Amino acid sequence: MDNDGQPFAQEDFERVKEELASRFEGVTAYLQAPADGLWRKDAESNADKIVIFEVMTEEIDLREWRDRRTALERRFRQEKVIIRYMPITLI
């Protein structure tokens, strides 16, 4: 749901999944049972449903990801989209 409580169509998430799969040769999307989020700021709490997309890549272009975050915030009418990256070692 957006910040006004309007739900998104499944196709909206499928489009993101396709975009990421095309760019990074694969993606894992956690869409079937969105996770519950709880955000606190001062004395206020906000509940949220979140979806997670995960990609793995050998190199990261921070500017590209910042631009992607801004585009996703506009597309999904969100105050903030969280994008994180973590170095990993495959065994």
PDB file of N, CA and C in Angstrom:
ATOM      1  N   MET A   1       0.837  -1.185   0.000  1.00  0.00           N
ATOM      2  CA  MET A   1       0.000   0.000   0.000  1.00  0.00           C
ATOM      3  C   MET A   1       0.879   1.244   0.000  1.00  0.00           C
ATOM      4  N   ASP A   2       0.354   2.270  -0.622  1.00  0.00           N
ATOM      5  CA  ASP A   2       1.096   3.522  -0.591  1.00  0.00           C
ATOM      6  C   ASP A   2       0.831   4.239   0.738  1.00  0.00           C
ATOM      7  N   ASN A   3       1.397   5.401   0.903  1.00  0.00           N
ATOM      8  CA  ASN A   3       1.250   6.124   2.173  1.00  0.00           C
ATOM      9  C   ASN A   3      -0.168   6.588   2.450  1.00  0.00           C
ATOM     10  N   ASP A   4      -1.031   6.560   1.418  1.00  0.00           N
ATOM     11  CA  ASP A   4      -2.435   6.911   1.603  1.00  0.00           C
ATOM     12  C   ASP A   4      -3.321   5.681   1.780  1.00  0.00           C
ATOM     13  N   GLY A   5      -2.702   4.490   1.889  1.00  0.00           N
ATOM     14  CA  GLY A   5      -3.461   3.261   2.092  1.00  0.00           C
ATOM     15  C   GLY A   5      -4.004   2.634   0.829  1.00  0.00           C
ATOM     16  N   GLN A   6      -3.577   3.103  -0.337  1.00  0.00           N
ATOM     17  CA  GLN A   6      -4.047   2.539  -1.608  1.00  0.00           C
ATOM     18  C   GLN A   6      -3.206   1.320  -1.971  1.00  0.00           C
ATOM     19  N   PRO A   7      -3.832   0.177  -2.213  1.00  0.00           N
ATOM     20  CA  PRO A   7      -3.062  -1.033  -2.548  1.00  0.00           C
ATOM     21  C   PRO A   7      -2.478  -0.960  -3.953  1.00  0.00           C
ATOM     22  N   PHE A   8      -1.403  -1.702  -4.152  1.00  0.00           N
ATOM     23  CA  PHE A   8      -0.770  -1.810  -5.460  1.00  0.00           C
ATOM     24  C   PHE A   8      -1.209  -3.101  -6.122  1.00  0.00           C
ATOM     25  N   ALA A   9      -1.286  -3.073  -7.425  1.00  0.00           N
ATOM     26  CA  ALA A   9      -1.605  -4.280  -8.185  1.00  0.00           C
ATOM     27  C   ALA A   9      -0.381  -5.198  -8.198  1.00  0.00           C
ATOM     28  N   GLN A  10      -0.617  -6.487  -8.236  1.00  0.00           N
ATOM     29  CA  GLN A  10       0.469  -7.464  -8.301  1.00  0.00           C
ATOM     30  C   GLN A  10       1.371  -7.184  -9.499  1.00  0.00           C
ATOM     31  N   GLU A  11       0.783  -6.679 -10.580  1.00  0.00           N
ATOM     32  CA  GLU A  11       1.559  -6.381 -11.788  1.00  0.00           C
ATOM     33  C   GLU A  11       2.630  -5.325 -11.525  1.00  0.00           C
ATOM     34  N   ASP A  12       2.388  -4.420 -10.585  1.00  0.00           N
ATOM     35  CA  ASP A  12       3.386  -3.406 -10.257  1.00  0.00           C
ATOM     36  C   ASP A  12       4.662  -4.051  -9.728  1.00  0.00           C
ATOM     37  N   PHE A  13       4.495  -5.055  -8.871  1.00  0.00           N
ATOM     38  CA  PHE A  13       5.648  -5.753  -8.309  1.00  0.00           C
ATOM     39  C   PHE A  13       6.292  -6.673  -9.344  1.00  0.00           C
ATOM     40  N   GLU A  14       5.474  -7.286 -10.175  1.00  0.00           N
ATOM     41  CA  GLU A  14       6.010  -8.146 -11.233  1.00  0.00           C
ATOM     42  C   GLU A  14       6.876  -7.340 -12.193  1.00  0.00           C
ATOM     43  N   ARG A  15       6.484  -6.111 -12.465  1.00  0.00           N
ATOM     44  CA  ARG A  15       7.260  -5.249 -13.350  1.00  0.00           C
ATOM     45  C   ARG A  15       8.637  -4.968 -12.747  1.00  0.00           C
ATOM     46  N   VAL A  16       8.696  -4.679 -11.450  1.00  0.00           N
ATOM     47  CA  VAL A  16       9.978  -4.454 -10.776  1.00  0.00           C
ATOM     48  C   VAL A  16      10.824  -5.719 -10.847  1.00  0.00           C
ATOM     49  N   LYS A  17      10.195  -6.856 -10.617  1.00  0.00           N
ATOM     50  CA  LYS A  17      10.920  -8.134 -10.669  1.00  0.00           C
ATOM     51  C   LYS A  17      11.535  -8.346 -12.045  1.00  0.00           C
ATOM     52  N   GLU A  18      10.772  -8.085 -13.091  1.00  0.00           N
ATOM     53  CA  GLU A  18      11.282  -8.245 -14.462  1.00  0.00           C
ATOM     54  C   GLU A  18      12.424  -7.266 -14.745  1.00  0.00           C
ATOM     55  N   GLU A  19      12.286  -6.036 -14.297  1.00  0.00           N
ATOM     56  CA  GLU A  19      13.335  -5.036 -14.505  1.00  0.00           C
ATOM     57  C   GLU A  19      14.639  -5.469 -13.841  1.00  0.00           C
ATOM     58  N   LEU A  20      14.545  -5.931 -12.597  1.00  0.00           N
ATOM     59  CA  LEU A  20      15.749  -6.352 -11.881  1.00  0.00           C
ATOM     60  C   LEU A  20      16.349  -7.617 -12.485  1.00  0.00           C
ATOM     61  N   ALA A  21      15.503  -8.549 -12.893  1.00  0.00           N
ATOM     62  CA  ALA A  21      16.012  -9.775 -13.513  1.00  0.00           C
ATOM     63  C   ALA A  21      16.736  -9.468 -14.811  1.00  0.00           C
ATOM     64  N   SER A  22      16.217  -8.527 -15.570  1.00  0.00           N
ATOM     65  CA  SER A  22      16.865  -8.146 -16.831  1.00  0.00           C
ATOM     66  C   SER A  22      18.202  -7.475 -16.583  1.00  0.00           C
ATOM     67  N   ARG A  23      18.254  -6.638 -15.571  1.00  0.00           N
ATOM     68  CA  ARG A  23      19.486  -5.881 -15.306  1.00  0.00           C
ATOM     69  C   ARG A  23      20.550  -6.728 -14.627  1.00  0.00           C
ATOM     70  N   PHE A  24      20.156  -7.622 -13.716  1.00  0.00           N
ATOM     71  CA  PHE A  24      21.114  -8.351 -12.894  1.00  0.00           C
ATOM     72  C   PHE A  24      21.123  -9.854 -13.148  1.00  0.00           C
ATOM     73  N   GLU A  25      20.458 -10.305 -14.161  1.00  0.00           N
ATOM     74  CA  GLU A  25      20.435 -11.715 -14.555  1.00  0.00           C
ATOM     75  C   GLU A  25      19.738 -12.607 -13.537  1.00  0.00           C
ATOM     76  N   GLY A  26      19.064 -12.028 -12.580  1.00  0.00           N
ATOM     77  CA  GLY A  26      18.306 -12.819 -11.618  1.00  0.00           C
ATOM     78  C   GLY A  26      17.857 -11.976 -10.448  1.00  0.00           C
ATOM     79  N   VAL A  27      16.781 -12.397  -9.843  1.00  0.00           N
ATOM     80  CA  VAL A  27      16.231 -11.691  -8.687  1.00  0.00           C
ATOM     81  C   VAL A  27      15.415 -12.686  -7.870  1.00  0.00           C
ATOM     82  N   THR A  28      15.407 -12.497  -6.571  1.00  0.00           N
ATOM     83  CA  THR A  28      14.498 -13.221  -5.693  1.00  0.00           C
ATOM     84  C   THR A  28      13.511 -12.200  -5.157  1.00  0.00           C
ATOM     85  N   ALA A  29      12.234 -12.458  -5.336  1.00  0.00           N
ATOM     86  CA  ALA A  29      11.200 -11.526  -4.892  1.00  0.00           C
ATOM     87  C   ALA A  29      10.342 -12.206  -3.833  1.00  0.00           C
ATOM     88  N   TYR A  30      10.231 -11.583  -2.686  1.00  0.00           N
ATOM     89  CA  TYR A  30       9.401 -12.071  -1.594  1.00  0.00           C
ATOM     90  C   TYR A  30       8.091 -11.299  -1.650  1.00  0.00           C
ATOM     91  N   LEU A  31       7.126 -11.832  -2.400  1.00  0.00           N
ATOM     92  CA  LEU A  31       5.889 -11.112  -2.675  1.00  0.00           C
ATOM     93  C   LEU A  31       4.640 -11.797  -2.138  1.00  0.00           C
ATOM     94  N   GLN A  32       4.671 -13.087  -1.934  1.00  0.00           N
ATOM     95  CA  GLN A  32       3.455 -13.836  -1.619  1.00  0.00           C
ATOM     96  C   GLN A  32       2.871 -13.486  -0.257  1.00  0.00           C
ATOM     97  N   ALA A  33       3.727 -13.290   0.710  1.00  0.00           N
ATOM     98  CA  ALA A  33       3.252 -12.958   2.056  1.00  0.00           C
ATOM     99  C   ALA A  33       4.058 -11.755   2.533  1.00  0.00           C
ATOM    100  N   PRO A  34       3.638 -10.547   2.163  1.00  0.00           N
ATOM    101  CA  PRO A  34       4.451  -9.387   2.559  1.00  0.00           C
ATOM    102  C   PRO A  34       4.718  -9.372   4.053  1.00  0.00           C
ATOM    103  N   ALA A  35       5.911  -8.947   4.397  1.00  0.00           N
ATOM    104  CA  ALA A  35       6.307  -8.863   5.798  1.00  0.00           C
ATOM    105  C   ALA A  35       5.640  -7.657   6.447  1.00  0.00           C
ATOM    106  N   ASP A  36       5.436  -7.752   7.738  1.00  0.00           N
ATOM    107  CA  ASP A  36       4.896  -6.630   8.497  1.00  0.00           C
ATOM    108  C   ASP A  36       6.042  -5.749   8.947  1.00  0.00           C
ATOM    109  N   GLY A  37       5.919  -4.466   8.698  1.00  0.00           N
ATOM    110  CA  GLY A  37       6.904  -3.507   9.176  1.00  0.00           C
ATOM    111  C   GLY A  37       6.273  -2.611  10.228  1.00  0.00           C
ATOM    112  N   LEU A  38       7.066  -2.164  11.153  1.00  0.00           N
ATOM    113  CA  LEU A  38       6.606  -1.216  12.161  1.00  0.00           C
ATOM    114  C   LEU A  38       7.668  -0.139  12.269  1.00  0.00           C
ATOM    115  N   TRP A  39       7.266   1.094  12.027  1.00  0.00           N
ATOM    116  CA  TRP A  39       8.192   2.211  12.001  1.00  0.00           C
ATOM    117  C   TRP A  39       7.840   3.159  13.134  1.00  0.00           C
ATOM    118  N   ARG A  40       8.828   3.543  13.897  1.00  0.00           N
ATOM    119  CA  ARG A  40       8.594   4.466  15.007  1.00  0.00           C
ATOM    120  C   ARG A  40       9.382   5.744  14.791  1.00  0.00           C
ATOM    121  N   LYS A  41       8.704   6.838  15.014  1.00  0.00           N
ATOM    122  CA  LYS A  41       9.354   8.146  14.989  1.00  0.00           C
ATOM    123  C   LYS A  41       8.768   8.943  16.139  1.00  0.00           C
ATOM    124  N   ASP A  42       9.622   9.261  17.080  1.00  0.00           N
ATOM    125  CA  ASP A  42       9.193   9.924  18.304  1.00  0.00           C
ATOM    126  C   ASP A  42       8.138   9.047  18.982  1.00  0.00           C
ATOM    127  N   ALA A  43       6.956   9.579  19.250  1.00  0.00           N
ATOM    128  CA  ALA A  43       5.921   8.803  19.935  1.00  0.00           C
ATOM    129  C   ALA A  43       4.973   8.120  18.958  1.00  0.00           C
ATOM    130  N   GLU A  44       5.164   8.323  17.648  1.00  0.00           N
ATOM    131  CA  GLU A  44       4.279   7.750  16.635  1.00  0.00           C
ATOM    132  C   GLU A  44       4.776   6.403  16.143  1.00  0.00           C
ATOM    133  N   SER A  45       3.830   5.512  15.876  1.00  0.00           N
ATOM    134  CA  SER A  45       4.140   4.226  15.253  1.00  0.00           C
ATOM    135  C   SER A  45       3.322   4.091  13.982  1.00  0.00           C
ATOM    136  N   ASN A  46       3.930   3.550  12.948  1.00  0.00           N
ATOM    137  CA  ASN A  46       3.234   3.300  11.691  1.00  0.00           C
ATOM    138  C   ASN A  46       3.465   1.860  11.281  1.00  0.00           C
ATOM    139  N   ALA A  47       2.379   1.149  11.010  1.00  0.00           N
ATOM    140  CA  ALA A  47       2.475  -0.221  10.517  1.00  0.00           C
ATOM    141  C   ALA A  47       2.516  -0.185   9.002  1.00  0.00           C
ATOM    142  N   ASP A  48       3.155  -1.179   8.429  1.00  0.00           N
ATOM    143  CA  ASP A  48       3.337  -1.206   6.991  1.00  0.00           C
ATOM    144  C   ASP A  48       3.477  -2.648   6.531  1.00  0.00           C
ATOM    145  N   LYS A  49       3.114  -2.901   5.303  1.00  0.00           N
ATOM    146  CA  LYS A  49       3.389  -4.176   4.650  1.00  0.00           C
ATOM    147  C   LYS A  49       4.556  -3.927   3.713  1.00  0.00           C
ATOM    148  N   ILE A  50       5.549  -4.800   3.724  1.00  0.00           N
ATOM    149  CA  ILE A  50       6.705  -4.586   2.871  1.00  0.00           C
ATOM    150  C   ILE A  50       6.944  -5.797   1.987  1.00  0.00           C
ATOM    151  N   VAL A  51       7.507  -5.548   0.842  1.00  0.00           N
ATOM    152  CA  VAL A  51       7.973  -6.612  -0.044  1.00  0.00           C
ATOM    153  C   VAL A  51       9.473  -6.440  -0.195  1.00  0.00           C
ATOM    154  N   ILE A  52      10.151  -7.528  -0.505  1.00  0.00           N
ATOM    155  CA  ILE A  52      11.605  -7.513  -0.596  1.00  0.00           C
ATOM    156  C   ILE A  52      12.028  -8.110  -1.931  1.00  0.00           C
ATOM    157  N   PHE A  53      12.939  -7.410  -2.601  1.00  0.00           N
ATOM    158  CA  PHE A  53      13.571  -7.908  -3.813  1.00  0.00           C
ATOM    159  C   PHE A  53      15.053  -8.045  -3.503  1.00  0.00           C
ATOM    160  N   GLU A  54      15.642  -9.150  -3.920  1.00  0.00           N
ATOM    161  CA  GLU A  54      17.049  -9.393  -3.631  1.00  0.00           C
ATOM    162  C   GLU A  54      17.779  -9.736  -4.923  1.00  0.00           C
ATOM    163  N   VAL A  55      18.883  -9.034  -5.173  1.00  0.00           N
ATOM    164  CA  VAL A  55      19.730  -9.354  -6.315  1.00  0.00           C
ATOM    165  C   VAL A  55      21.155  -9.532  -5.815  1.00  0.00           C
ATOM    166  N   MET A  56      21.935 -10.286  -6.567  1.00  0.00           N
ATOM    167  CA  MET A  56      23.353 -10.439  -6.272  1.00  0.00           C
ATOM    168  C   MET A  56      24.131  -9.971  -7.488  1.00  0.00           C
ATOM    169  N   THR A  57      25.181  -9.221  -7.236  1.00  0.00           N
ATOM    170  CA  THR A  57      26.012  -8.711  -8.310  1.00  0.00           C
ATOM    171  C   THR A  57      27.448  -8.589  -7.809  1.00  0.00           C
ATOM    172  N   GLU A  58      28.377  -8.707  -8.717  1.00  0.00           N
ATOM    173  CA  GLU A  58      29.785  -8.626  -8.329  1.00  0.00           C
ATOM    174  C   GLU A  58      30.221  -7.199  -8.039  1.00  0.00           C
ATOM    175  N   GLU A  59      29.626  -6.237  -8.737  1.00  0.00           N
ATOM    176  CA  GLU A  59      29.983  -4.840  -8.532  1.00  0.00           C
ATOM    177  C   GLU A  59      28.717  -4.023  -8.316  1.00  0.00           C
ATOM    178  N   ILE A  60      28.866  -2.944  -7.558  1.00  0.00           N
ATOM    179  CA  ILE A  60      27.709  -2.094  -7.277  1.00  0.00           C
ATOM    180  C   ILE A  60      27.988  -0.672  -7.759  1.00  0.00           C
ATOM    181  N   ASP A  61      27.011  -0.118  -8.409  1.00  0.00           N
ATOM    182  CA  ASP A  61      27.066   1.261  -8.876  1.00  0.00           C
ATOM    183  C   ASP A  61      26.128   2.065  -7.970  1.00  0.00           C
ATOM    184  N   LEU A  62      26.701   2.750  -7.004  1.00  0.00           N
ATOM    185  CA  LEU A  62      25.874   3.457  -6.016  1.00  0.00           C
ATOM    186  C   LEU A  62      24.991   4.515  -6.652  1.00  0.00           C
ATOM    187  N   ARG A  63      25.476   5.202  -7.653  1.00  0.00           N
ATOM    188  CA  ARG A  63      24.645   6.216  -8.308  1.00  0.00           C
ATOM    189  C   ARG A  63      23.427   5.574  -8.962  1.00  0.00           C
ATOM    190  N   GLU A  64      23.646   4.448  -9.650  1.00  0.00           N
ATOM    191  CA  GLU A  64      22.522   3.743 -10.277  1.00  0.00           C
ATOM    192  C   GLU A  64      21.486   3.352  -9.231  1.00  0.00           C
ATOM    193  N   TRP A  65      21.929   2.864  -8.072  1.00  0.00           N
ATOM    194  CA  TRP A  65      20.996   2.441  -7.032  1.00  0.00           C
ATOM    195  C   TRP A  65      20.283   3.630  -6.399  1.00  0.00           C
ATOM    196  N   ARG A  66      20.976   4.747  -6.255  1.00  0.00           N
ATOM    197  CA  ARG A  66      20.300   5.954  -5.732  1.00  0.00           C
ATOM    198  C   ARG A  66      19.218   6.412  -6.692  1.00  0.00           C
ATOM    199  N   ASP A  67      19.545   6.384  -7.983  1.00  0.00           N
ATOM    200  CA  ASP A  67      18.549   6.761  -8.992  1.00  0.00           C
ATOM    201  C   ASP A  67      17.372   5.789  -8.983  1.00  0.00           C
ATOM    202  N   ARG A  68      17.672   4.496  -8.834  1.00  0.00           N
ATOM    203  CA  ARG A  68      16.613   3.478  -8.789  1.00  0.00           C
ATOM    204  C   ARG A  68      15.716   3.694  -7.576  1.00  0.00           C
ATOM    205  N   ARG A  69      16.331   4.005  -6.432  1.00  0.00           N
ATOM    206  CA  ARG A  69      15.548   4.250  -5.220  1.00  0.00           C
ATOM    207  C   ARG A  69      14.595   5.422  -5.419  1.00  0.00           C
ATOM    208  N   THR A  70      15.099   6.517  -5.964  1.00  0.00           N
ATOM    209  CA  THR A  70      14.261   7.691  -6.212  1.00  0.00           C
ATOM    210  C   THR A  70      13.111   7.352  -7.146  1.00  0.00           C
ATOM    211  N   ALA A  71      13.398   6.593  -8.199  1.00  0.00           N
ATOM    212  CA  ALA A  71      12.352   6.204  -9.151  1.00  0.00           C
ATOM    213  C   ALA A  71      11.305   5.319  -8.479  1.00  0.00           C
ATOM    214  N   LEU A  72      11.741   4.385  -7.635  1.00  0.00           N
ATOM    215  CA  LEU A  72      10.796   3.504  -6.936  1.00  0.00           C
ATOM    216  C   LEU A  72       9.951   4.283  -5.934  1.00  0.00           C
ATOM    217  N   GLU A  73      10.549   5.259  -5.260  1.00  0.00           N
ATOM    218  CA  GLU A  73       9.774   6.078  -4.322  1.00  0.00           C
ATOM    219  C   GLU A  73       8.662   6.819  -5.054  1.00  0.00           C
ATOM    220  N   ARG A  74       8.979   7.348  -6.226  1.00  0.00           N
ATOM    221  CA  ARG A  74       7.940   8.033  -7.022  1.00  0.00           C
ATOM    222  C   ARG A  74       6.897   7.043  -7.516  1.00  0.00           C
ATOM    223  N   ARG A  75       7.356   5.936  -8.078  1.00  0.00           N
ATOM    224  CA  ARG A  75       6.436   4.961  -8.666  1.00  0.00           C
ATOM    225  C   ARG A  75       5.463   4.411  -7.637  1.00  0.00           C
ATOM    226  N   PHE A  76       5.977   4.112  -6.436  1.00  0.00           N
ATOM    227  CA  PHE A  76       5.144   3.500  -5.405  1.00  0.00           C
ATOM    228  C   PHE A  76       4.661   4.497  -4.352  1.00  0.00           C
ATOM    229  N   ARG A  77       4.865   5.787  -4.625  1.00  0.00           N
ATOM    230  CA  ARG A  77       4.370   6.845  -3.754  1.00  0.00           C
ATOM    231  C   ARG A  77       4.752   6.599  -2.289  1.00  0.00           C
ATOM    232  N   GLN A  78       6.051   6.414  -2.079  1.00  0.00           N
ATOM    233  CA  GLN A  78       6.574   6.133  -0.747  1.00  0.00           C
ATOM    234  C   GLN A  78       7.485   7.265  -0.289  1.00  0.00           C
ATOM    235  N   GLU A  79       7.459   7.520   1.015  1.00  0.00           N
ATOM    236  CA  GLU A  79       8.390   8.500   1.562  1.00  0.00           C
ATOM    237  C   GLU A  79       9.819   8.001   1.428  1.00  0.00           C
ATOM    238  N   LYS A  80      10.010   6.701   1.648  1.00  0.00           N
ATOM    239  CA  LYS A  80      11.365   6.158   1.599  1.00  0.00           C
ATOM    240  C   LYS A  80      11.306   4.698   1.163  1.00  0.00           C
ATOM    241  N   VAL A  81      12.121   4.366   0.190  1.00  0.00           N
ATOM    242  CA  VAL A  81      12.366   2.984  -0.200  1.00  0.00           C
ATOM    243  C   VAL A  81      13.760   2.648   0.320  1.00  0.00           C
ATOM    244  N   ILE A  82      13.888   1.532   0.993  1.00  0.00           N
ATOM    245  CA  ILE A  82      15.170   1.126   1.569  1.00  0.00           C
ATOM    246  C   ILE A  82      15.886   0.208   0.581  1.00  0.00           C
ATOM    247  N   ILE A  83      17.110   0.574   0.265  1.00  0.00           N
ATOM    248  CA  ILE A  83      17.980  -0.284  -0.533  1.00  0.00           C
ATOM    249  C   ILE A  83      19.252  -0.465   0.281  1.00  0.00           C
ATOM    250  N   ARG A  84      19.641  -1.702   0.471  1.00  0.00           N
ATOM    251  CA  ARG A  84      20.854  -1.973   1.232  1.00  0.00           C
ATOM    252  C   ARG A  84      21.750  -2.894   0.425  1.00  0.00           C
ATOM    253  N   TYR A  85      23.013  -2.821   0.699  1.00  0.00           N
ATOM    254  CA  TYR A  85      23.925  -3.770   0.080  1.00  0.00           C
ATOM    255  C   TYR A  85      24.904  -4.280   1.128  1.00  0.00           C
ATOM    256  N   MET A  86      25.264  -5.538   0.956  1.00  0.00           N
ATOM    257  CA  MET A  86      26.169  -6.194   1.881  1.00  0.00           C
ATOM    258  C   MET A  86      27.161  -7.027   1.084  1.00  0.00           C
ATOM    259  N   PRO A  87      28.439  -6.853   1.349  1.00  0.00           N
ATOM    260  CA  PRO A  87      29.416  -7.742   0.710  1.00  0.00           C
ATOM    261  C   PRO A  87      29.232  -9.174   1.241  1.00  0.00           C
ATOM    262  N   ILE A  88      29.311 -10.138   0.345  1.00  0.00           N
ATOM    263  CA  ILE A  88      29.195 -11.539   0.763  1.00  0.00           C
ATOM    264  C   ILE A  88      30.290 -12.356   0.099  1.00  0.00           C
ATOM    265  N   THR A  89      30.536 -13.503   0.649  1.00  0.00           N
ATOM    266  CA  THR A  89      31.460 -14.453   0.068  1.00  0.00           C
ATOM    267  C   THR A  89      30.679 -15.729  -0.211  1.00  0.00           C
ATOM    268  N   LEU A  90      30.637 -16.140  -1.462  1.00  0.00           N
ATOM    269  CA  LEU A  90      29.969 -17.389  -1.799  1.00  0.00           C
ATOM    270  C   LEU A  90      30.923 -18.555  -1.518  1.00  0.00           C
ATOM    271  N   ILE A  91      30.377 -19.593  -0.955  1.00  0.00           N
ATOM    272  CA  ILE A  91      31.173 -20.772  -0.610  1.00  0.00           C
ATOM    273  C   ILE A  91      30.788 -21.921  -1.508  1.00  0.00           C
TER     274      ILE A  91
END
